[in-house]
C-alpha atoms as a PDB file:
ATOM      1  CA  MET A   1     -27.070  13.947  32.594  1.00  0.00           C
ATOM      2  CA  SER A   2     -29.915  15.288  30.150  1.00  0.00           C
ATOM      3  CA  PHE A   3     -29.842  15.034  26.528  1.00  0.00           C
ATOM      4  CA  VAL A   4     -28.838  18.841  25.976  1.00  0.00           C
ATOM      5  CA  LEU A   5     -25.533  18.411  28.097  1.00  0.00           C
ATOM      6  CA  ALA A   6     -24.804  14.817  26.869  1.00  0.00           C
ATOM      7  CA  HIS A   7     -25.127  15.550  22.989  1.00  0.00           C
ATOM      8  CA  PRO A   8     -21.710  18.011  23.042  1.00  0.00           C
ATOM      9  CA  PHE A   9     -20.155  15.364  24.724  1.00  0.00           C
ATOM     10  CA  ILE A  10     -20.834  12.997  22.524  1.00  0.00           C
ATOM     11  CA  SER A  11     -20.448  14.988  19.588  1.00  0.00           C
ATOM     12  CA  ALA A  12     -16.943  15.970  20.832  1.00  0.00           C
ATOM     13  CA  PHE A  13     -16.263  12.039  20.939  1.00  0.00           C
ATOM     14  CA  VAL A  14     -17.317  11.375  17.553  1.00  0.00           C
ATOM     15  CA  ALA A  15     -15.722  14.086  16.200  1.00  0.00           C
ATOM     16  CA  THR A  16     -12.314  13.441  17.321  1.00  0.00           C
ATOM     17  CA  GLU A  17     -13.254   9.207  16.340  1.00  0.00           C
ATOM     18  CA  LEU A  18     -14.214  10.450  13.045  1.00  0.00           C
ATOM     19  CA  ALA A  19     -10.699  12.920  12.703  1.00  0.00           C
ATOM     20  CA  GLY A  20      -8.266   9.644  14.017  1.00  0.00           C
ATOM     21  CA  GLN A  21     -10.033   7.198  11.958  1.00  0.00           C
ATOM     22  CA  TYR A  22      -9.288   9.968   8.858  1.00  0.00           C
ATOM     23  CA  GLN A  23      -5.781  10.480   9.777  1.00  0.00           C
ATOM     24  CA  GLN A  24      -5.529   7.039  10.347  1.00  0.00           C
ATOM     25  CA  ALA A  25      -6.897   6.351   6.724  1.00  0.00           C
ATOM     26  CA  GLN A  26      -4.596   8.828   5.199  1.00  0.00           C
ATOM     27  CA  ALA A  27      -1.680   7.590   7.074  1.00  0.00           C
ATOM     28  CA  GLN A  28      -2.530   4.395   5.586  1.00  0.00           C
ATOM     29  CA  ARG A  29      -2.389   5.287   1.872  1.00  0.00           C
ATOM     30  CA  GLN A  30       0.490   7.701   1.998  1.00  0.00           C
ATOM     31  CA  THR A  31       2.481   4.649   3.718  1.00  0.00           C
ATOM     32  CA  ALA A  32       1.271   2.469   0.592  1.00  0.00           C
ATOM     33  CA  LYS A  33       2.099   5.156  -1.729  1.00  0.00           C
ATOM     34  CA  TYR A  34       5.687   5.232  -0.349  1.00  0.00           C
ATOM     35  CA  ASN A  35       6.071   1.686   0.180  1.00  0.00           C
ATOM     36  CA  ALA A  36       5.109   1.234  -3.665  1.00  0.00           C
ATOM     37  CA  ARG A  37       7.601   4.373  -4.640  1.00  0.00           C
ATOM     38  CA  VAL A  38       9.943   2.469  -2.729  1.00  0.00           C
ATOM     39  CA  ALA A  39       9.126  -1.279  -4.772  1.00  0.00           C
ATOM     40  CA  GLU A  40       9.519   0.597  -8.318  1.00  0.00           C
ATOM     41  CA  MET A  41      12.878   1.920  -6.839  1.00  0.00           C
ATOM     42  CA  GLN A  42      14.150  -1.314  -5.861  1.00  0.00           C
ATOM     43  CA  ALA A  43      12.570  -3.221  -9.456  1.00  0.00           C
ATOM     44  CA  GLU A  44      14.842  -0.207 -11.212  1.00  0.00           C
ATOM     45  CA  ALA A  45      17.893  -0.886  -9.124  1.00  0.00           C
ATOM     46  CA  ILE A  46      17.480  -4.338 -10.029  1.00  0.00           C
ATOM     47  CA  ARG A  47      17.397  -4.245 -13.650  1.00  0.00           C
ATOM     48  CA  ARG A  48      20.563  -1.824 -13.953  1.00  0.00           C
ATOM     49  CA  GLN A  49      22.147  -4.484 -11.363  1.00  0.00           C
ATOM     50  CA  GLY A  50      21.121  -6.888 -14.041  1.00  0.00           C
ATOM     51  CA  LYS A  51      22.303  -4.822 -17.262  1.00  0.00           C
ATOM     52  CA  LEU A  52      26.155  -4.149 -15.051  1.00  0.00           C
ATOM     53  CA  GLN A  53      26.453  -8.367 -14.331  1.00  0.00           C
ATOM     54  CA  GLN A  54      25.501  -8.539 -18.330  1.00  0.00           C
ATOM     55  CA  TYR A  55      28.032  -6.077 -19.228  1.00  0.00           C
ATOM     56  CA  ARG A  56      30.722  -7.857 -17.045  1.00  0.00           C
ATOM     57  CA  LEU A  57      29.721 -11.420 -18.417  1.00  0.00           C
ATOM     58  CA  LYS A  58      30.093 -10.046 -22.117  1.00  0.00           C
ATOM     59  CA  ARG A  59      33.281  -8.860 -21.197  1.00  0.00           C
ATOM     60  CA  ALA A  60      34.251 -11.755 -19.896  1.00  0.00           C
ATOM     61  CA  LYS A  61      33.126 -13.863 -22.683  1.00  0.00           C
ATOM     62  CA  ARG A  62      35.658 -12.048 -25.322  1.00  0.00           C
ATOM     63  CA  ARG A  63      38.341 -12.097 -22.795  1.00  0.00           C
ATOM     64  CA  MET A  64      37.925 -15.555 -22.230  1.00  0.00           C
ATOM     65  CA  LEU A  65      37.414 -16.156 -25.983  1.00  0.00           C
ATOM     66  CA  GLY A  66      40.637 -14.100 -27.135  1.00  0.00           C
ATOM     67  CA  LYS A  67      42.850 -15.715 -24.346  1.00  0.00           C
ATOM     68  CA  GLN A  68      41.670 -19.263 -25.786  1.00  0.00           C
ATOM     69  CA  ARG A  69      42.746 -18.252 -29.522  1.00  0.00           C
ATOM     70  CA  ALA A  70      45.809 -16.652 -28.476  1.00  0.00           C
ATOM     71  CA  LEU A  71      47.146 -20.375 -26.552  1.00  0.00           C
ATOM     72  CA  TYR A  72      46.028 -22.030 -29.332  1.00  0.00           C
ATOM     73  CA  ALA A  73      47.560 -19.766 -31.898  1.00  0.00           C
ATOM     74  CA  LYS A  74      51.059 -19.823 -29.424  1.00  0.00           C
ATOM     75  CA  ALA A  75      50.598 -23.555 -29.776  1.00  0.00           C
ATOM     76  CA  GLY A  76      50.243 -23.721 -33.354  1.00  0.00           C
ATOM     77  CA  LEU A  77      46.962 -25.192 -33.596  1.00  0.00           C
ATOM     78  CA  SER A  78      44.680 -24.180 -36.422  1.00  0.00           C
ATOM     79  CA  LEU A  79      40.909 -23.060 -35.100  1.00  0.00           C
ATOM     80  CA  GLU A  80      39.909 -26.170 -36.689  1.00  0.00           C
ATOM     81  CA  GLY A  81      38.272 -29.079 -34.968  1.00  0.00           C
ATOM     82  CA  THR A  82      38.562 -29.666 -31.157  1.00  0.00           C
ATOM     83  CA  PRO A  83      39.882 -25.634 -31.138  1.00  0.00           C
ATOM     84  CA  LEU A  84      36.705 -24.824 -32.847  1.00  0.00           C
ATOM     85  CA  GLU A  85      34.368 -26.481 -30.813  1.00  0.00           C
ATOM     86  CA  VAL A  86      36.359 -25.485 -27.258  1.00  0.00           C
ATOM     87  CA  LEU A  87      35.785 -21.688 -28.416  1.00  0.00           C
ATOM     88  CA  ALA A  88      32.032 -22.845 -29.291  1.00  0.00           C
ATOM     89  CA  ASP A  89      31.487 -24.664 -26.193  1.00  0.00           C
ATOM     90  CA  THR A  90      32.797 -21.692 -24.195  1.00  0.00           C
ATOM     91  CA  ALA A  91      30.809 -19.174 -26.096  1.00  0.00           C
ATOM     92  CA  ALA A  92      27.521 -21.128 -25.646  1.00  0.00           C
ATOM     93  CA  GLN A  93      28.481 -21.279 -22.122  1.00  0.00           C
ATOM     94  CA  TYR A  94      29.054 -17.566 -21.707  1.00  0.00           C
ATOM     95  CA  ASP A  95      25.716 -16.894 -23.893  1.00  0.00           C
ATOM     96  CA  LEU A  96      23.648 -18.975 -21.249  1.00  0.00           C
ATOM     97  CA  ASP A  97      25.307 -17.524 -18.352  1.00  0.00           C
ATOM     98  CA  LEU A  98      24.027 -13.992 -20.087  1.00  0.00           C
ATOM     99  CA  ALA A  99      20.414 -15.632 -20.843  1.00  0.00           C
ATOM    100  CA  THR A 100      20.182 -16.461 -17.199  1.00  0.00           C
ATOM    101  CA  SER A 101      21.391 -12.734 -15.834  1.00  0.00           C
ATOM    102  CA  ARG A 102      18.486 -11.465 -18.369  1.00  0.00           C
ATOM    103  CA  TYR A 103      15.929 -13.860 -17.016  1.00  0.00           C
ATOM    104  CA  ASN A 104      17.099 -13.612 -13.188  1.00  0.00           C
ATOM    105  CA  THR A 105      16.951  -9.718 -13.729  1.00  0.00           C
ATOM    106  CA  GLU A 106      13.450  -9.320 -15.357  1.00  0.00           C
ATOM    107  CA  VAL A 107      12.026 -11.740 -12.709  1.00  0.00           C
ATOM    108  CA  GLY A 108      13.322  -9.763 -10.026  1.00  0.00           C
ATOM    109  CA  ALA A 109      12.193  -6.587 -11.373  1.00  0.00           C
ATOM    110  CA  ARG A 110       8.801  -7.377 -12.495  1.00  0.00           C
ATOM    111  CA  SER A 111       8.327  -8.959  -8.732  1.00  0.00           C
ATOM    112  CA  SER A 112       9.690  -5.447  -7.433  1.00  0.00           C
ATOM    113  CA  LEU A 113       6.712  -3.829  -9.430  1.00  0.00           C
ATOM    114  CA  TYR A 114       3.745  -6.464  -8.725  1.00  0.00           C
ATOM    115  CA  GLU A 115       5.079  -5.556  -5.064  1.00  0.00           C
ATOM    116  CA  ALA A 116       4.106  -2.341  -5.943  1.00  0.00           C
ATOM    117  CA  ASP A 117       0.965  -2.743  -7.517  1.00  0.00           C
ATOM    118  CA  TYR A 118       0.003  -4.521  -4.371  1.00  0.00           C
ATOM    119  CA  GLN A 119       0.931  -1.504  -2.421  1.00  0.00           C
ATOM    120  CA  ARG A 120      -1.402   0.867  -3.985  1.00  0.00           C
ATOM    121  CA  TYR A 121      -4.112  -1.351  -3.868  1.00  0.00           C
ATOM    122  CA  ALA A 122      -3.814  -1.671  -1.005  1.00  0.00           C
ATOM    123  CA  GLY A 123      -3.605   1.455   0.215  1.00  0.00           C
ATOM    124  CA  LYS A 124      -6.557   1.880  -1.299  1.00  0.00           C
ATOM    125  CA  GLN A 125      -8.711  -0.450   0.141  1.00  0.00           C
ATOM    126  CA  ALA A 126      -6.973   0.486   3.172  1.00  0.00           C
ATOM    127  CA  TYR A 127      -8.244   3.848   2.971  1.00  0.00           C
ATOM    128  CA  ARG A 128     -11.797   2.757   1.805  1.00  0.00           C
ATOM    129  CA  ALA A 129     -11.995   0.801   5.028  1.00  0.00           C
ATOM    130  CA  GLY A 130     -11.216   3.948   6.867  1.00  0.00           C
ATOM    131  CA  LEU A 131     -13.614   5.335   5.304  1.00  0.00           C
ATOM    132  CA  LEU A 132     -16.310   2.913   5.944  1.00  0.00           C
ATOM    133  CA  GLY A 133     -15.344   3.139   9.723  1.00  0.00           C
ATOM    134  CA  MET A 134     -15.984   6.596   9.756  1.00  0.00           C
ATOM    135  CA  GLY A 135     -19.587   5.794   8.396  1.00  0.00           C
ATOM    136  CA  GLU A 136     -19.734   3.063  11.050  1.00  0.00           C
ATOM    137  CA  THR A 137     -18.796   5.517  13.765  1.00  0.00           C
ATOM    138  CA  LEU A 138     -21.624   8.101  12.864  1.00  0.00           C
ATOM    139  CA  LEU A 139     -24.251   5.161  12.901  1.00  0.00           C
ATOM    140  CA  THR A 140     -22.961   3.850  16.212  1.00  0.00           C
ATOM    141  CA  ALA A 141     -23.113   7.594  17.144  1.00  0.00           C
ATOM    142  CA  GLY A 142     -26.515   8.345  15.724  1.00  0.00           C
ATOM    143  CA  LEU A 143     -27.993   5.096  17.768  1.00  0.00           C
ATOM    144  CA  ALA A 144     -26.280   5.791  21.262  1.00  0.00           C
ATOM    145  CA  MET A 145     -27.907   9.753  20.762  1.00  0.00           C
ATOM    146  CA  LYS A 146     -31.188   8.143  20.311  1.00  0.00           C
ATOM    147  CA  SER A 147     -30.878   6.433  23.450  1.00  0.00           C
ATOM    148  CA  PHE A 148     -30.917   9.732  25.318  1.00  0.00           C
ATOM    149  CA  LEU A 149     -33.918  11.004  23.474  1.00  0.00           C
ATOM    150  CA  PRO A 150     -37.334  10.625  25.738  1.00  0.00           C
ATOM    151  CA  LYS A 151     -39.789   8.324  24.466  1.00  0.00           C
ATOM    152  CA  SER A 152     -43.149  10.359  23.395  1.00  0.00           C
ATOM    153  CA  GLY A 153     -45.003  10.810  26.507  1.00  0.00           C
ATOM    154  CA  GLY A 154     -42.376  10.056  28.834  1.00  0.00           C
ATOM    155  CA  THR A 155     -40.587  12.439  31.073  1.00  0.00           C
ATOM    156  CA  ILE A 156     -37.045  13.950  29.488  1.00  0.00           C
ATOM    157  CA  ILE A 157     -34.004  12.743  31.213  1.00  0.00           C
ATOM    158  CA  GLY A 158     -33.074  14.853  34.247  1.00  0.00           C
ATOM    159  CA  GLY A 159     -36.647  14.427  35.824  1.00  0.00           C
ATOM    160  CA  ARG A 160     -38.311  17.195  34.056  1.00  0.00           C
ATOM    161  CA  GLY A 161     -41.897  16.397  33.273  1.00  0.00           C
ATOM    162  CA  GLY A 162     -44.205  16.815  29.762  1.00  0.00           C
ATOM    163  CA  LYS A 163     -44.365  15.802  26.456  1.00  0.00           C
ATOM    164  CA  PHE A 164     -41.593  15.212  23.763  1.00  0.00           C
ATOM    165  CA  THR A 165     -42.457  17.367  21.045  1.00  0.00           C
ATOM    166  CA  GLY A 166     -39.874  17.077  18.275  1.00  0.00           C
ATOM    167  CA  MET A 167     -36.122  18.517  17.816  1.00  0.00           C
ATOM    168  CA  GLN A 168     -35.059  22.375  17.284  1.00  0.00           C
ATOM    169  CA  MET A 169     -31.319  23.351  16.434  1.00  0.00           C
ATOM    170  CA  THR A 170     -29.162  24.565  19.017  1.00  0.00           C
ATOM    171  CA  PRO A 171     -25.533  25.619  18.827  1.00  0.00           C
ATOM    172  CA  TYR A 172     -24.692  22.754  20.127  1.00  0.00           C
ATOM    173  CA  GLY A 173     -26.419  20.567  17.326  1.00  0.00           C
ATOM    174  CA  THR A 174     -30.058  19.527  17.869  1.00  0.00           C
ATOM    175  CA  ALA A 175     -31.785  19.401  21.077  1.00  0.00           C
ATOM    176  CA  PRO A 176     -35.739  17.595  21.883  1.00  0.00           C
ATOM    177  CA  THR A 177     -38.307  19.967  22.466  1.00  0.00           C
ATOM    178  CA  TRP A 178     -40.904  19.732  25.037  1.00  0.00           C
ATOM    179  CA  SER A 179     -44.608  20.679  26.034  1.00  0.00           C
ATOM    180  CA  PRO A 180     -45.323  20.555  29.697  1.00  0.00           C
ATOM    181  CA  PHE A 181     -48.762  19.787  28.832  1.00  0.00           C
END
Protein backbone atom coordinates (compact mmCIF):
# COMPACT_ATOMS: atom_id res chain seq x y z
CA MET A 1 0.00 0.00 0.00
CA SER A 2 1.45 3.32 -0.96
CA PHE A 3 1.66 6.29 1.36
CA VAL A 4 -0.90 8.17 -0.73
CA LEU A 5 -3.46 5.38 -0.17
CA ALA A 6 -2.56 4.80 3.49
CA HIS A 7 -2.67 8.47 4.41
CA PRO A 8 -6.48 8.95 4.01
CA PHE A 9 -7.16 5.78 6.04
CA ILE A 10 -4.86 6.92 8.83
CA SER A 11 -6.37 10.41 8.71
CA ALA A 12 -9.90 8.99 8.94
CA PHE A 13 -8.90 6.76 11.84
CA VAL A 14 -7.22 9.66 13.65
CA ALA A 15 -10.21 11.94 13.06
CA THR A 16 -12.56 9.27 14.42
CA GLU A 17 -10.32 8.68 17.42
CA LEU A 18 -10.06 12.42 18.14
CA ALA A 19 -13.82 12.87 17.87
CA GLY A 20 -14.37 9.97 20.26
CA GLN A 21 -11.85 11.30 22.76
CA TYR A 22 -13.40 14.77 22.62
CA GLN A 23 -16.93 13.41 23.08
CA GLN A 24 -15.76 11.27 26.01
CA ALA A 25 -14.07 14.28 27.64
CA GLN A 26 -17.22 16.35 27.14
CA ALA A 27 -19.41 13.57 28.55
CA GLN A 28 -17.21 13.17 31.62
CA ARG A 29 -17.26 16.92 32.23
CA GLN A 30 -21.06 17.08 31.82
CA THR A 31 -21.52 14.07 34.13
CA ALA A 32 -19.34 15.72 36.77
CA LYS A 33 -21.34 18.97 36.46
CA TYR A 34 -24.56 17.01 36.90
CA ASN A 35 -23.15 15.16 39.93
CA ALA A 36 -22.04 18.48 41.43
CA ARG A 37 -25.55 19.90 41.01
CA VAL A 38 -27.05 16.79 42.61
CA ALA A 39 -24.68 17.17 45.57
CA GLU A 40 -25.67 20.84 45.93
CA MET A 41 -29.35 19.89 45.90
CA GLN A 42 -28.63 17.21 48.48
CA ALA A 43 -26.96 19.81 50.71
CA GLU A 44 -30.04 22.01 50.41
CA ALA A 45 -32.31 19.05 51.24
CA ILE A 46 -30.19 18.22 54.30
CA ARG A 47 -30.48 21.81 55.49
CA ARG A 48 -34.26 21.85 54.98
CA GLN A 49 -34.61 18.54 56.79
CA GLY A 50 -32.44 19.85 59.63
CA LYS A 51 -34.59 22.99 59.97
CA LEU A 52 -37.70 20.85 60.12
CA GLN A 53 -36.16 18.63 62.79
CA GLN A 54 -35.09 21.69 64.79
CA TYR A 55 -38.59 23.16 64.52
CA ARG A 56 -40.03 19.89 65.85
CA LEU A 57 -37.54 19.85 68.72
CA LYS A 58 -38.47 23.43 69.69
CA ARG A 59 -42.17 22.53 69.66
CA ALA A 60 -41.53 19.38 71.69
CA LYS A 61 -39.53 21.42 74.22
CA ARG A 62 -42.34 23.95 74.63
CA ARG A 63 -44.91 21.16 74.95
CA MET A 64 -42.85 19.25 77.52
CA LEU A 65 -42.10 22.32 79.65
CA GLY A 66 -45.78 23.34 79.53
CA LYS A 67 -46.85 19.83 80.51
CA GLN A 68 -44.38 19.77 83.43
CA ARG A 69 -45.57 23.20 84.64
CA ALA A 70 -49.18 22.08 84.43
CA LEU A 71 -48.48 18.89 86.40
CA TYR A 72 -46.60 20.81 89.10
CA ALA A 73 -49.42 23.37 89.31
CA LYS A 74 -52.03 20.59 89.48
CA ALA A 75 -50.07 18.98 92.32
CA GLY A 76 -49.98 22.33 94.10
CA LEU A 77 -46.20 22.70 93.90
CA SER A 78 -44.57 26.06 93.35
CA LEU A 79 -41.91 26.38 90.64
CA GLU A 80 -39.07 26.66 93.13
CA GLY A 81 -36.34 24.27 94.20
CA THR A 82 -36.58 20.76 92.72
CA PRO A 83 -39.44 21.46 90.26
CA LEU A 84 -37.48 24.42 88.90
CA GLU A 85 -34.35 22.25 88.56
CA VAL A 86 -36.33 19.59 86.69
CA LEU A 87 -37.68 22.24 84.31
CA ALA A 88 -34.17 23.65 83.80
CA ASP A 89 -32.74 20.16 83.17
CA THR A 90 -35.50 19.38 80.65
CA ALA A 91 -34.85 22.66 78.85
CA ALA A 92 -31.10 21.97 78.84
CA GLN A 93 -31.63 18.49 77.34
CA TYR A 94 -33.80 19.89 74.55
CA ASP A 95 -31.25 22.65 73.91
CA LEU A 96 -28.50 20.02 73.66
CA ASP A 97 -30.62 18.01 71.21
CA LEU A 98 -31.22 21.18 69.22
CA ALA A 99 -27.49 22.02 69.10
CA THR A 100 -26.67 18.45 68.06
CA SER A 101 -29.26 18.66 65.29
CA ARG A 102 -27.79 21.96 64.03
CA TYR A 103 -24.28 20.49 64.07
CA ASN A 104 -25.27 17.29 62.26
CA THR A 105 -27.22 19.28 59.69
CA GLU A 106 -24.28 21.56 58.94
CA VAL A 107 -21.81 18.66 58.76
CA GLY A 108 -24.07 16.81 56.31
CA ALA A 109 -24.65 19.88 54.17
CA ARG A 110 -20.97 20.81 54.05
CA SER A 111 -20.06 17.23 53.17
CA SER A 112 -22.40 17.42 50.18
CA LEU A 113 -20.98 20.80 49.16
CA TYR A 114 -17.42 19.42 49.35
CA GLU A 115 -18.60 16.56 47.13
CA ALA A 116 -19.96 19.11 44.66
CA ASP A 117 -16.62 20.93 44.62
CA TYR A 118 -14.79 17.65 44.08
CA GLN A 119 -17.12 16.70 41.21
CA ARG A 120 -16.50 20.03 39.48
CA TYR A 121 -12.74 19.57 39.91
CA ALA A 122 -12.89 15.97 38.66
CA GLY A 123 -14.88 17.10 35.62
CA LYS A 124 -12.30 19.73 34.74
CA GLN A 125 -9.49 17.22 35.19
CA ALA A 126 -11.26 14.63 33.04
CA TYR A 127 -11.77 17.22 30.31
CA ARG A 128 -8.10 18.23 30.44
CA ALA A 129 -7.06 14.58 30.37
CA GLY A 130 -9.24 14.10 27.29
CA LEU A 131 -7.57 17.02 25.54
CA LEU A 132 -4.14 15.66 26.45
CA GLY A 133 -5.22 12.28 25.09
CA MET A 134 -6.17 13.99 21.85
CA GLY A 135 -2.70 15.54 21.68
CA GLU A 136 -1.14 12.14 22.33
CA THR A 137 -3.22 10.64 19.52
CA LEU A 138 -2.08 13.36 17.14
CA LEU A 139 1.57 12.80 18.04
CA THR A 140 1.26 9.03 17.75
CA ALA A 141 -0.48 9.35 14.38
CA GLY A 142 2.23 11.69 13.18
CA LEU A 143 4.88 9.15 14.10
CA ALA A 144 2.88 6.38 12.44
CA MET A 145 2.54 8.41 9.23
CA LYS A 146 6.24 9.11 9.26
CA SER A 147 6.88 5.39 8.83
CA PHE A 148 5.10 5.54 5.45
CA LEU A 149 7.45 8.21 4.13
CA PRO A 150 10.37 6.96 2.07
CA LYS A 151 13.88 7.66 3.17
CA SER A 152 15.72 10.24 1.10
CA GLY A 153 17.23 8.46 -1.85
CA GLY A 154 15.15 5.30 -1.34
CA THR A 155 12.18 3.96 -3.23
CA ILE A 156 8.61 4.98 -2.67
CA ILE A 157 6.46 2.43 -0.85
CA GLY A 158 4.60 0.53 -3.51
CA GLY A 159 7.59 -0.21 -5.68
CA ARG A 160 8.16 2.96 -7.66
CA GLY A 161 11.72 4.13 -8.00
CA GLY A 162 13.04 7.61 -7.57
CA LYS A 163 14.18 10.06 -4.93
CA PHE A 164 12.03 11.58 -2.23
CA THR A 165 12.03 15.32 -2.74
CA GLY A 166 9.47 16.62 -0.21
CA MET A 167 5.79 16.87 0.56
CA GLN A 168 2.95 18.54 -1.30
CA MET A 169 -0.66 19.26 -0.42
CA THR A 170 -3.34 17.00 -1.93
CA PRO A 171 -7.11 16.84 -1.44
CA TYR A 172 -6.43 14.17 1.21
CA GLY A 173 -3.79 16.11 3.13
CA THR A 174 -0.09 15.88 2.34
CA ALA A 175 1.64 13.40 0.04
CA PRO A 176 5.28 12.73 -0.74
CA THR A 177 6.79 14.03 -3.96
CA TRP A 178 9.58 12.31 -5.73
CA SER A 179 11.77 12.66 -8.76
CA PRO A 180 12.61 9.80 -11.13
CA PHE A 181 16.21 11.11 -11.32
